[in-house]
PDB file of N, CA and C in Angstrom:
ATOM      1  N   UNK A   1    -143.732  34.902  66.337  1.00  0.00           N
ATOM      2  CA  UNK A   1    -145.018  34.848  65.657  1.00  0.00           C
ATOM      3  C   UNK A   1    -144.838  35.248  64.201  1.00  0.00           C
ATOM      4  N   UNK A   2    -145.426  34.503  63.301  1.00  0.00           N
ATOM      5  CA  UNK A   2    -145.345  34.768  61.874  1.00  0.00           C
ATOM      6  C   UNK A   2    -146.517  35.629  61.434  1.00  0.00           C
ATOM      7  N   UNK A   3    -146.232  36.673  60.664  1.00  0.00           N
ATOM      8  CA  UNK A   3    -147.283  37.514  60.094  1.00  0.00           C
ATOM      9  C   UNK A   3    -147.721  36.873  58.793  1.00  0.00           C
ATOM     10  N   UNK A   4    -149.037  36.656  58.623  1.00  0.00           N
ATOM     11  CA  UNK A   4    -149.520  35.952  57.441  1.00  0.00           C
ATOM     12  C   UNK A   4    -150.243  36.838  56.446  1.00  0.00           C
ATOM     13  N   UNK A   5    -150.509  38.079  56.776  1.00  0.00           N
ATOM     14  CA  UNK A   5    -151.175  38.979  55.836  1.00  0.00           C
ATOM     15  C   UNK A   5    -150.459  40.317  55.861  1.00  0.00           C
ATOM     16  N   UNK A   6    -150.388  40.951  54.719  1.00  0.00           N
ATOM     17  CA  UNK A   6    -149.787  42.261  54.637  1.00  0.00           C
ATOM     18  C   UNK A   6    -150.918  43.271  54.495  1.00  0.00           C
ATOM     19  N   UNK A   7    -151.395  43.752  55.621  1.00  0.00           N
ATOM     20  CA  UNK A   7    -152.496  44.704  55.610  1.00  0.00           C
ATOM     21  C   UNK A   7    -151.902  46.097  55.528  1.00  0.00           C
ATOM     22  N   UNK A   8    -152.259  46.809  54.483  1.00  0.00           N
ATOM     23  CA  UNK A   8    -151.666  48.108  54.216  1.00  0.00           C
ATOM     24  C   UNK A   8    -152.712  48.974  53.521  1.00  0.00           C
ATOM     25  N   UNK A   9    -153.132  50.042  54.164  1.00  0.00           N
ATOM     26  CA  UNK A   9    -154.176  50.890  53.594  1.00  0.00           C
ATOM     27  C   UNK A   9    -153.679  51.745  52.434  1.00  0.00           C
ATOM     28  N   UNK A  10    -152.370  51.781  52.187  1.00  0.00           N
ATOM     29  CA  UNK A  10    -151.854  52.584  51.082  1.00  0.00           C
ATOM     30  C   UNK A  10    -151.813  51.803  49.766  1.00  0.00           C
ATOM     31  N   UNK A  11    -152.074  50.502  49.827  1.00  0.00           N
ATOM     32  CA  UNK A  11    -152.067  49.666  48.612  1.00  0.00           C
ATOM     33  C   UNK A  11    -153.495  49.488  48.119  1.00  0.00           C
ATOM     34  N   UNK A  12    -153.752  49.720  46.851  1.00  0.00           N
ATOM     35  CA  UNK A  12    -155.120  49.602  46.320  1.00  0.00           C
ATOM     36  C   UNK A  12    -155.474  48.163  45.926  1.00  0.00           C
ATOM     37  N   UNK A  13    -155.486  47.274  46.904  1.00  0.00           N
ATOM     38  CA  UNK A  13    -155.810  45.872  46.623  1.00  0.00           C
ATOM     39  C   UNK A  13    -157.277  45.602  46.931  1.00  0.00           C
ATOM     40  N   UNK A  14    -157.783  44.514  46.355  1.00  0.00           N
ATOM     41  CA  UNK A  14    -159.141  44.058  46.675  1.00  0.00           C
ATOM     42  C   UNK A  14    -159.007  43.006  47.775  1.00  0.00           C
ATOM     43  N   UNK A  15    -159.689  43.227  48.879  1.00  0.00           N
ATOM     44  CA  UNK A  15    -159.633  42.309  50.006  1.00  0.00           C
ATOM     45  C   UNK A  15    -160.941  41.544  50.079  1.00  0.00           C
ATOM     46  N   UNK A  16    -160.834  40.231  49.982  1.00  0.00           N
ATOM     47  CA  UNK A  16    -161.993  39.354  50.110  1.00  0.00           C
ATOM     48  C   UNK A  16    -162.096  38.896  51.557  1.00  0.00           C
ATOM     49  N   UNK A  17    -163.268  39.081  52.143  1.00  0.00           N
ATOM     50  CA  UNK A  17    -163.577  38.477  53.438  1.00  0.00           C
ATOM     51  C   UNK A  17    -164.807  37.624  53.193  1.00  0.00           C
ATOM     52  N   UNK A  18    -164.594  36.314  53.283  1.00  0.00           N
ATOM     53  CA  UNK A  18    -165.647  35.352  52.999  1.00  0.00           C
ATOM     54  C   UNK A  18    -165.953  34.598  54.288  1.00  0.00           C
ATOM     55  N   UNK A  19    -167.166  34.739  54.784  1.00  0.00           N
ATOM     56  CA  UNK A  19    -167.574  34.074  56.020  1.00  0.00           C
ATOM     57  C   UNK A  19    -168.412  32.855  55.657  1.00  0.00           C
ATOM     58  N   UNK A  20    -167.911  31.695  56.056  1.00  0.00           N
ATOM     59  CA  UNK A  20    -168.607  30.432  55.849  1.00  0.00           C
ATOM     60  C   UNK A  20    -169.235  30.004  57.164  1.00  0.00           C
ATOM     61  N   UNK A  21    -170.498  29.649  57.154  1.00  0.00           N
ATOM     62  CA  UNK A  21    -171.139  29.018  58.303  1.00  0.00           C
ATOM     63  C   UNK A  21    -171.083  27.525  58.043  1.00  0.00           C
ATOM     64  N   UNK A  22    -170.690  26.768  59.048  1.00  0.00           N
ATOM     65  CA  UNK A  22    -170.416  25.354  58.845  1.00  0.00           C
ATOM     66  C   UNK A  22    -170.804  24.563  60.098  1.00  0.00           C
ATOM     67  N   UNK A  23    -171.288  23.333  59.943  1.00  0.00           N
ATOM     68  CA  UNK A  23    -171.494  22.497  61.130  1.00  0.00           C
ATOM     69  C   UNK A  23    -170.141  22.284  61.809  1.00  0.00           C
ATOM     70  N   UNK A  24    -170.070  22.393  63.124  1.00  0.00           N
ATOM     71  CA  UNK A  24    -168.783  22.268  63.817  1.00  0.00           C
ATOM     72  C   UNK A  24    -167.991  21.016  63.448  1.00  0.00           C
ATOM     73  N   UNK A  25    -168.681  19.924  63.216  1.00  0.00           N
ATOM     74  CA  UNK A  25    -167.974  18.681  62.890  1.00  0.00           C
ATOM     75  C   UNK A  25    -167.352  18.708  61.487  1.00  0.00           C
ATOM     76  N   UNK A  26    -167.674  19.736  60.698  1.00  0.00           N
ATOM     77  CA  UNK A  26    -167.128  19.839  59.333  1.00  0.00           C
ATOM     78  C   UNK A  26    -166.193  21.034  59.163  1.00  0.00           C
ATOM     79  N   UNK A  27    -165.943  21.765  60.245  1.00  0.00           N
ATOM     80  CA  UNK A  27    -165.094  22.953  60.139  1.00  0.00           C
ATOM     81  C   UNK A  27    -163.706  22.608  59.587  1.00  0.00           C
ATOM     82  N   UNK A  28    -163.060  21.599  60.144  1.00  0.00           N
ATOM     83  CA  UNK A  28    -161.713  21.248  59.691  1.00  0.00           C
ATOM     84  C   UNK A  28    -161.724  20.749  58.247  1.00  0.00           C
ATOM     85  N   UNK A  29    -162.771  20.040  57.866  1.00  0.00           N
ATOM     86  CA  UNK A  29    -162.901  19.569  56.485  1.00  0.00           C
ATOM     87  C   UNK A  29    -162.928  20.749  55.517  1.00  0.00           C
ATOM     88  N   UNK A  30    -163.668  21.797  55.878  1.00  0.00           N
ATOM     89  CA  UNK A  30    -163.737  22.983  55.022  1.00  0.00           C
ATOM     90  C   UNK A  30    -162.385  23.685  54.970  1.00  0.00           C
ATOM     91  N   UNK A  31    -161.737  23.832  56.104  1.00  0.00           N
ATOM     92  CA  UNK A  31    -160.420  24.478  56.127  1.00  0.00           C
ATOM     93  C   UNK A  31    -159.437  23.700  55.254  1.00  0.00           C
ATOM     94  N   UNK A  32    -159.446  22.384  55.370  1.00  0.00           N
ATOM     95  CA  UNK A  32    -158.552  21.560  54.553  1.00  0.00           C
ATOM     96  C   UNK A  32    -158.840  21.745  53.066  1.00  0.00           C
ATOM     97  N   UNK A  33    -160.113  21.780  52.700  1.00  0.00           N
ATOM     98  CA  UNK A  33    -160.494  21.986  51.304  1.00  0.00           C
ATOM     99  C   UNK A  33    -160.022  23.350  50.806  1.00  0.00           C
ATOM    100  N   UNK A  34    -160.253  24.401  51.590  1.00  0.00           N
ATOM    101  CA  UNK A  34    -159.858  25.743  51.182  1.00  0.00           C
ATOM    102  C   UNK A  34    -158.341  25.859  51.042  1.00  0.00           C
ATOM    103  N   UNK A  35    -157.606  25.255  51.969  1.00  0.00           N
ATOM    104  CA  UNK A  35    -156.144  25.294  51.895  1.00  0.00           C
ATOM    105  C   UNK A  35    -155.643  24.547  50.661  1.00  0.00           C
ATOM    106  N   UNK A  36    -156.216  23.393  50.386  1.00  0.00           N
ATOM    107  CA  UNK A  36    -155.823  22.604  49.220  1.00  0.00           C
ATOM    108  C   UNK A  36    -156.167  23.351  47.931  1.00  0.00           C
ATOM    109  N   UNK A  37    -157.338  23.956  47.878  1.00  0.00           N
ATOM    110  CA  UNK A  37    -157.745  24.718  46.692  1.00  0.00           C
ATOM    111  C   UNK A  37    -156.817  25.907  46.470  1.00  0.00           C
ATOM    112  N   UNK A  38    -156.401  26.536  47.549  1.00  0.00           N
ATOM    113  CA  UNK A  38    -155.481  27.668  47.435  1.00  0.00           C
ATOM    114  C   UNK A  38    -154.135  27.209  46.908  1.00  0.00           C
ATOM    115  N   UNK A  39    -153.624  26.109  47.458  1.00  0.00           N
ATOM    116  CA  UNK A  39    -152.316  25.611  47.030  1.00  0.00           C
ATOM    117  C   UNK A  39    -152.308  25.141  45.581  1.00  0.00           C
ATOM    118  N   UNK A  40    -153.384  24.506  45.136  1.00  0.00           N
ATOM    119  CA  UNK A  40    -153.381  23.923  43.796  1.00  0.00           C
ATOM    120  C   UNK A  40    -153.913  24.858  42.716  1.00  0.00           C
ATOM    121  N   UNK A  41    -154.788  25.787  43.088  1.00  0.00           N
ATOM    122  CA  UNK A  41    -155.458  26.594  42.057  1.00  0.00           C
ATOM    123  C   UNK A  41    -155.366  28.095  42.308  1.00  0.00           C
ATOM    124  N   UNK A  42    -155.883  28.556  43.442  1.00  0.00           N
ATOM    125  CA  UNK A  42    -156.059  29.995  43.650  1.00  0.00           C
ATOM    126  C   UNK A  42    -154.754  30.774  43.586  1.00  0.00           C
ATOM    127  N   UNK A  43    -153.715  30.273  44.220  1.00  0.00           N
ATOM    128  CA  UNK A  43    -152.473  31.050  44.260  1.00  0.00           C
ATOM    129  C   UNK A  43    -151.777  31.135  42.909  1.00  0.00           C
ATOM    130  N   UNK A  44    -152.228  30.339  41.951  1.00  0.00           N
ATOM    131  CA  UNK A  44    -151.669  30.378  40.605  1.00  0.00           C
ATOM    132  C   UNK A  44    -152.474  31.292  39.677  1.00  0.00           C
ATOM    133  N   UNK A  45    -153.547  31.851  40.194  1.00  0.00           N
ATOM    134  CA  UNK A  45    -154.382  32.765  39.408  1.00  0.00           C
ATOM    135  C   UNK A  45    -153.684  34.125  39.309  1.00  0.00           C
ATOM    136  N   UNK A  46    -153.789  34.796  38.163  1.00  0.00           N
ATOM    137  CA  UNK A  46    -153.214  36.135  38.043  1.00  0.00           C
ATOM    138  C   UNK A  46    -153.807  37.076  39.095  1.00  0.00           C
ATOM    139  N   UNK A  47    -152.942  37.861  39.725  1.00  0.00           N
ATOM    140  CA  UNK A  47    -153.392  38.857  40.691  1.00  0.00           C
ATOM    141  C   UNK A  47    -153.521  38.357  42.120  1.00  0.00           C
ATOM    142  N   UNK A  48    -153.339  37.063  42.362  1.00  0.00           N
ATOM    143  CA  UNK A  48    -153.439  36.531  43.724  1.00  0.00           C
ATOM    144  C   UNK A  48    -152.292  37.078  44.566  1.00  0.00           C
ATOM    145  N   UNK A  49    -152.609  37.534  45.782  1.00  0.00           N
ATOM    146  CA  UNK A  49    -151.592  38.019  46.711  1.00  0.00           C
ATOM    147  C   UNK A  49    -151.437  37.053  47.883  1.00  0.00           C
ATOM    148  N   UNK A  50    -152.541  36.770  48.591  1.00  0.00           N
ATOM    149  CA  UNK A  50    -152.449  35.898  49.758  1.00  0.00           C
ATOM    150  C   UNK A  50    -153.839  35.425  50.157  1.00  0.00           C
ATOM    151  N   UNK A  51    -153.852  34.367  50.958  1.00  0.00           N
ATOM    152  CA  UNK A  51    -155.103  33.876  51.540  1.00  0.00           C
ATOM    153  C   UNK A  51    -154.793  33.376  52.947  1.00  0.00           C
ATOM    154  N   UNK A  52    -155.707  33.650  53.850  1.00  0.00           N
ATOM    155  CA  UNK A  52    -155.586  33.224  55.240  1.00  0.00           C
ATOM    156  C   UNK A  52    -156.931  32.673  55.677  1.00  0.00           C
ATOM    157  N   UNK A  53    -156.894  31.638  56.498  1.00  0.00           N
ATOM    158  CA  UNK A  53    -158.127  31.008  56.961  1.00  0.00           C
ATOM    159  C   UNK A  53    -158.181  31.078  58.476  1.00  0.00           C
ATOM    160  N   UNK A  54    -159.352  31.438  58.972  1.00  0.00           N
ATOM    161  CA  UNK A  54    -159.554  31.604  60.407  1.00  0.00           C
ATOM    162  C   UNK A  54    -160.709  30.711  60.841  1.00  0.00           C
ATOM    163  N   UNK A  55    -160.495  29.954  61.897  1.00  0.00           N
ATOM    164  CA  UNK A  55    -161.521  29.053  62.427  1.00  0.00           C
ATOM    165  C   UNK A  55    -162.087  29.654  63.709  1.00  0.00           C
ATOM    166  N   UNK A  56    -163.402  29.803  63.769  1.00  0.00           N
ATOM    167  CA  UNK A  56    -164.003  30.312  65.008  1.00  0.00           C
ATOM    168  C   UNK A  56    -163.837  29.265  66.098  1.00  0.00           C
ATOM    169  N   UNK A  57    -163.699  29.707  67.298  1.00  0.00           N
ATOM    170  CA  UNK A  57    -163.476  28.794  68.412  1.00  0.00           C
ATOM    171  C   UNK A  57    -164.692  27.939  68.725  1.00  0.00           C
ATOM    172  N   UNK A  58    -165.871  28.394  68.299  1.00  0.00           N
ATOM    173  CA  UNK A  58    -167.074  27.587  68.529  1.00  0.00           C
ATOM    174  C   UNK A  58    -167.296  26.558  67.425  1.00  0.00           C
ATOM    175  N   UNK A  59    -166.438  26.578  66.386  1.00  0.00           N
ATOM    176  CA  UNK A  59    -166.516  25.600  65.313  1.00  0.00           C
ATOM    177  C   UNK A  59    -167.527  25.910  64.231  1.00  0.00           C
ATOM    178  N   UNK A  60    -168.269  27.010  64.356  1.00  0.00           N
ATOM    179  CA  UNK A  60    -169.376  27.281  63.444  1.00  0.00           C
ATOM    180  C   UNK A  60    -169.051  28.205  62.276  1.00  0.00           C
ATOM    181  N   UNK A  61    -167.853  28.774  62.244  1.00  0.00           N
ATOM    182  CA  UNK A  61    -167.506  29.695  61.163  1.00  0.00           C
ATOM    183  C   UNK A  61    -166.080  29.437  60.698  1.00  0.00           C
ATOM    184  N   UNK A  62    -165.875  29.704  59.426  1.00  0.00           N
ATOM    185  CA  UNK A  62    -164.542  29.776  58.837  1.00  0.00           C
ATOM    186  C   UNK A  62    -164.510  31.084  58.068  1.00  0.00           C
ATOM    187  N   UNK A  63    -163.473  31.859  58.269  1.00  0.00           N
ATOM    188  CA  UNK A  63    -163.319  33.111  57.532  1.00  0.00           C
ATOM    189  C   UNK A  63    -162.104  32.999  56.633  1.00  0.00           C
ATOM    190  N   UNK A  64    -162.314  33.328  55.371  1.00  0.00           N
ATOM    191  CA  UNK A  64    -161.235  33.410  54.394  1.00  0.00           C
ATOM    192  C   UNK A  64    -160.950  34.890  54.193  1.00  0.00           C
ATOM    193  N   UNK A  65    -159.735  35.294  54.549  1.00  0.00           N
ATOM    194  CA  UNK A  65    -159.273  36.658  54.317  1.00  0.00           C
ATOM    195  C   UNK A  65    -158.233  36.556  53.206  1.00  0.00           C
ATOM    196  N   UNK A  66    -158.552  37.072  52.039  1.00  0.00           N
ATOM    197  CA  UNK A  66    -157.644  36.964  50.891  1.00  0.00           C
ATOM    198  C   UNK A  66    -157.487  38.320  50.225  1.00  0.00           C
ATOM    199  N   UNK A  67    -156.354  38.499  49.566  1.00  0.00           N
ATOM    200  CA  UNK A  67    -156.125  39.742  48.846  1.00  0.00           C
ATOM    201  C   UNK A  67    -155.768  39.449  47.400  1.00  0.00           C
ATOM    202  N   UNK A  68    -156.298  40.322  46.533  1.00  0.00           N
ATOM    203  CA  UNK A  68    -156.065  40.262  45.090  1.00  0.00           C
ATOM    204  C   UNK A  68    -155.545  41.618  44.650  1.00  0.00           C
ATOM    205  N   UNK A  69    -154.729  41.640  43.615  1.00  0.00           N
ATOM    206  CA  UNK A  69    -154.159  42.901  43.136  1.00  0.00           C
ATOM    207  C   UNK A  69    -155.227  43.907  42.730  1.00  0.00           C
ATOM    208  N   UNK A  70    -156.376  43.406  42.261  1.00  0.00           N
ATOM    209  CA  UNK A  70    -157.463  44.304  41.860  1.00  0.00           C
ATOM    210  C   UNK A  70    -158.781  43.542  41.911  1.00  0.00           C
ATOM    211  N   UNK A  71    -159.858  44.284  41.873  1.00  0.00           N
ATOM    212  CA  UNK A  71    -161.179  43.669  41.818  1.00  0.00           C
ATOM    213  C   UNK A  71    -161.336  42.868  40.522  1.00  0.00           C
ATOM    214  N   UNK A  72    -160.742  43.364  39.443  1.00  0.00           N
ATOM    215  CA  UNK A  72    -160.813  42.656  38.166  1.00  0.00           C
ATOM    216  C   UNK A  72    -160.151  41.278  38.259  1.00  0.00           C
ATOM    217  N   UNK A  73    -159.025  41.199  38.960  1.00  0.00           N
ATOM    218  CA  UNK A  73    -158.368  39.904  39.156  1.00  0.00           C
ATOM    219  C   UNK A  73    -159.263  38.961  39.952  1.00  0.00           C
ATOM    220  N   UNK A  74    -159.915  39.477  40.973  1.00  0.00           N
ATOM    221  CA  UNK A  74    -160.815  38.644  41.777  1.00  0.00           C
ATOM    222  C   UNK A  74    -161.946  38.084  40.907  1.00  0.00           C
ATOM    223  N   UNK A  75    -162.579  38.951  40.116  1.00  0.00           N
ATOM    224  CA  UNK A  75    -163.709  38.496  39.294  1.00  0.00           C
ATOM    225  C   UNK A  75    -163.258  37.549  38.191  1.00  0.00           C
ATOM    226  N   UNK A  76    -162.052  37.726  37.677  1.00  0.00           N
ATOM    227  CA  UNK A  76    -161.526  36.791  36.679  1.00  0.00           C
ATOM    228  C   UNK A  76    -161.345  35.409  37.308  1.00  0.00           C
ATOM    229  N   UNK A  77    -160.847  35.363  38.536  1.00  0.00           N
ATOM    230  CA  UNK A  77    -160.718  34.090  39.238  1.00  0.00           C
ATOM    231  C   UNK A  77    -162.082  33.445  39.417  1.00  0.00           C
ATOM    232  N   UNK A  78    -163.080  34.226  39.784  1.00  0.00           N
ATOM    233  CA  UNK A  78    -164.429  33.688  40.014  1.00  0.00           C
ATOM    234  C   UNK A  78    -165.012  33.059  38.748  1.00  0.00           C
ATOM    235  N   UNK A  79    -164.587  33.518  37.587  1.00  0.00           N
ATOM    236  CA  UNK A  79    -165.122  32.961  36.348  1.00  0.00           C
ATOM    237  C   UNK A  79    -164.277  31.806  35.812  1.00  0.00           C
ATOM    238  N   UNK A  80    -163.167  31.504  36.452  1.00  0.00           N
ATOM    239  CA  UNK A  80    -162.311  30.402  36.021  1.00  0.00           C
ATOM    240  C   UNK A  80    -162.964  29.068  36.389  1.00  0.00           C
ATOM    241  N   UNK A  81    -163.146  28.151  35.429  1.00  0.00           N
ATOM    242  CA  UNK A  81    -163.825  26.884  35.710  1.00  0.00           C
ATOM    243  C   UNK A  81    -163.154  26.046  36.795  1.00  0.00           C
ATOM    244  N   UNK A  82    -161.828  26.023  36.836  1.00  0.00           N
ATOM    245  CA  UNK A  82    -161.125  25.246  37.860  1.00  0.00           C
ATOM    246  C   UNK A  82    -161.368  25.825  39.253  1.00  0.00           C
ATOM    247  N   UNK A  83    -161.339  27.135  39.372  1.00  0.00           N
ATOM    248  CA  UNK A  83    -161.619  27.773  40.660  1.00  0.00           C
ATOM    249  C   UNK A  83    -163.071  27.529  41.065  1.00  0.00           C
ATOM    250  N   UNK A  84    -163.973  27.556  40.103  1.00  0.00           N
ATOM    251  CA  UNK A  84    -165.393  27.355  40.389  1.00  0.00           C
ATOM    252  C   UNK A  84    -165.656  25.971  40.980  1.00  0.00           C
ATOM    253  N   UNK A  85    -164.927  24.969  40.534  1.00  0.00           N
ATOM    254  CA  UNK A  85    -165.083  23.625  41.094  1.00  0.00           C
ATOM    255  C   UNK A  85    -164.838  23.649  42.599  1.00  0.00           C
ATOM    256  N   UNK A  86    -163.775  24.323  43.024  1.00  0.00           N
ATOM    257  CA  UNK A  86    -163.449  24.395  44.460  1.00  0.00           C
ATOM    258  C   UNK A  86    -164.499  25.190  45.232  1.00  0.00           C
ATOM    259  N   UNK A  87    -164.964  26.283  44.635  1.00  0.00           N
ATOM    260  CA  UNK A  87    -165.974  27.097  45.323  1.00  0.00           C
ATOM    261  C   UNK A  87    -167.283  26.329  45.467  1.00  0.00           C
ATOM    262  N   UNK A  88    -167.637  25.571  44.445  1.00  0.00           N
ATOM    263  CA  UNK A  88    -168.859  24.756  44.520  1.00  0.00           C
ATOM    264  C   UNK A  88    -168.727  23.677  45.592  1.00  0.00           C
ATOM    265  N   UNK A  89    -167.552  23.065  45.678  1.00  0.00           N
ATOM    266  CA  UNK A  89    -167.342  22.029  46.692  1.00  0.00           C
ATOM    267  C   UNK A  89    -167.418  22.617  48.105  1.00  0.00           C
ATOM    268  N   UNK A  90    -166.844  23.798  48.303  1.00  0.00           N
ATOM    269  CA  UNK A  90    -166.921  24.453  49.615  1.00  0.00           C
ATOM    270  C   UNK A  90    -168.375  24.745  49.979  1.00  0.00           C
ATOM    271  N   UNK A  91    -169.166  25.119  48.991  1.00  0.00           N
ATOM    272  CA  UNK A  91    -170.582  25.420  49.244  1.00  0.00           C
ATOM    273  C   UNK A  91    -171.380  24.185  49.628  1.00  0.00           C
ATOM    274  N   UNK A  92    -170.873  22.990  49.326  1.00  0.00           N
ATOM    275  CA  UNK A  92    -171.569  21.773  49.759  1.00  0.00           C
ATOM    276  C   UNK A  92    -171.265  21.434  51.217  1.00  0.00           C
ATOM    277  N   UNK A  93    -170.178  21.977  51.748  1.00  0.00           N
ATOM    278  CA  UNK A  93    -169.815  21.755  53.154  1.00  0.00           C
ATOM    279  C   UNK A  93    -170.448  22.822  54.037  1.00  0.00           C
ATOM    280  N   UNK A  94    -170.385  24.062  53.595  1.00  0.00           N
ATOM    281  CA  UNK A  94    -170.918  25.181  54.372  1.00  0.00           C
ATOM    282  C   UNK A  94    -172.441  25.262  54.214  1.00  0.00           C
ATOM    283  N   UNK A  95    -173.097  25.745  55.253  1.00  0.00           N
ATOM    284  CA  UNK A  95    -174.542  25.967  55.177  1.00  0.00           C
ATOM    285  C   UNK A  95    -174.866  27.376  54.696  1.00  0.00           C
ATOM    286  N   UNK A  96    -173.861  28.263  54.720  1.00  0.00           N
ATOM    287  CA  UNK A  96    -174.031  29.633  54.235  1.00  0.00           C
ATOM    288  C   UNK A  96    -172.654  30.152  53.846  1.00  0.00           C
ATOM    289  N   UNK A  97    -172.594  30.914  52.770  1.00  0.00           N
ATOM    290  CA  UNK A  97    -171.344  31.489  52.285  1.00  0.00           C
ATOM    291  C   UNK A  97    -171.607  32.964  52.018  1.00  0.00           C
ATOM    292  N   UNK A  98    -170.782  33.844  52.609  1.00  0.00           N
ATOM    293  CA  UNK A  98    -170.989  35.289  52.496  1.00  0.00           C
ATOM    294  C   UNK A  98    -169.720  35.997  52.019  1.00  0.00           C
ATOM    295  N   UNK A  99    -169.391  35.911  50.715  1.00  0.00           N
ATOM    296  CA  UNK A  99    -168.197  36.617  50.222  1.00  0.00           C
ATOM    297  C   UNK A  99    -168.477  38.099  50.001  1.00  0.00           C
ATOM    298  N   UNK A 100    -167.531  38.935  50.408  1.00  0.00           N
ATOM    299  CA  UNK A 100    -167.637  40.380  50.182  1.00  0.00           C
ATOM    300  C   UNK A 100    -166.252  40.923  49.886  1.00  0.00           C
ATOM    301  N   UNK A 101    -166.177  41.895  48.972  1.00  0.00           N
ATOM    302  CA  UNK A 101    -164.917  42.580  48.692  1.00  0.00           C
ATOM    303  C   UNK A 101    -164.850  43.867  49.504  1.00  0.00           C
ATOM    304  N   UNK A 102    -163.669  44.147  50.029  1.00  0.00           N
ATOM    305  CA  UNK A 102    -163.446  45.318  50.866  1.00  0.00           C
ATOM    306  C   UNK A 102    -162.198  46.061  50.411  1.00  0.00           C
ATOM    307  N   UNK A 103    -162.107  47.312  50.839  1.00  0.00           N
ATOM    308  CA  UNK A 103    -160.912  48.124  50.686  1.00  0.00           C
ATOM    309  C   UNK A 103    -160.397  48.425  52.081  1.00  0.00           C
ATOM    310  N   UNK A 104    -159.117  48.203  52.309  1.00  0.00           N
ATOM    311  CA  UNK A 104    -158.532  48.542  53.606  1.00  0.00           C
ATOM    312  C   UNK A 104    -158.442  50.059  53.678  1.00  0.00           C
ATOM    313  N   UNK A 105    -159.130  50.657  54.634  1.00  0.00           N
ATOM    314  CA  UNK A 105    -159.136  52.112  54.748  1.00  0.00           C
ATOM    315  C   UNK A 105    -158.355  52.618  55.952  1.00  0.00           C
ATOM    316  N   UNK A 106    -158.016  51.716  56.876  1.00  0.00           N
ATOM    317  CA  UNK A 106    -157.280  52.119  58.056  1.00  0.00           C
ATOM    318  C   UNK A 106    -156.516  50.921  58.587  1.00  0.00           C
ATOM    319  N   UNK A 107    -155.284  51.126  58.976  1.00  0.00           N
ATOM    320  CA  UNK A 107    -154.429  50.050  59.472  1.00  0.00           C
ATOM    321  C   UNK A 107    -153.641  50.569  60.664  1.00  0.00           C
ATOM    322  N   UNK A 108    -153.673  49.845  61.769  1.00  0.00           N
ATOM    323  CA  UNK A 108    -153.023  50.300  62.998  1.00  0.00           C
ATOM    324  C   UNK A 108    -152.143  49.195  63.570  1.00  0.00           C
ATOM    325  N   UNK A 109    -150.925  49.023  63.029  1.00  0.00           N
ATOM    326  CA  UNK A 109    -150.066  47.974  63.533  1.00  0.00           C
ATOM    327  C   UNK A 109    -149.518  48.300  64.915  1.00  0.00           C
ATOM    328  N   UNK A 110    -149.107  47.261  65.580  1.00  0.00           N
ATOM    329  CA  UNK A 110    -148.484  47.448  66.899  1.00  0.00           C
ATOM    330  C   UNK A 110    -147.166  48.185  66.714  1.00  0.00           C
ATOM    331  N   UNK A 111    -146.889  49.144  67.570  1.00  0.00           N
ATOM    332  CA  UNK A 111    -145.615  49.914  67.441  1.00  0.00           C
ATOM    333  C   UNK A 111    -144.403  49.040  67.673  1.00  0.00           C
TER     334      UNK A 111
END
């Protein structure tokens, strides 16, 4: 099994958890868009660490779990016109978008 996120409560990173509500028939379309946007734009932004996408089994949600070196890096990305194009396009697929920044305060890996 491949580990796709480095969750570590000792690192002062900004963690984005963005919950998208989506019609089930468009879930894969949104995931494809988010992955393409990450490959072409987001991962080239200063401060980008990683992004992971999770599809709910009922098809109604997509969760983007991403990490940025700092909150300032995250907000700089949000103001970038190229990144904004992708975020606007995702908002046309999703019926609701709920981005929130978090701090990892506890981490319990498997021994």
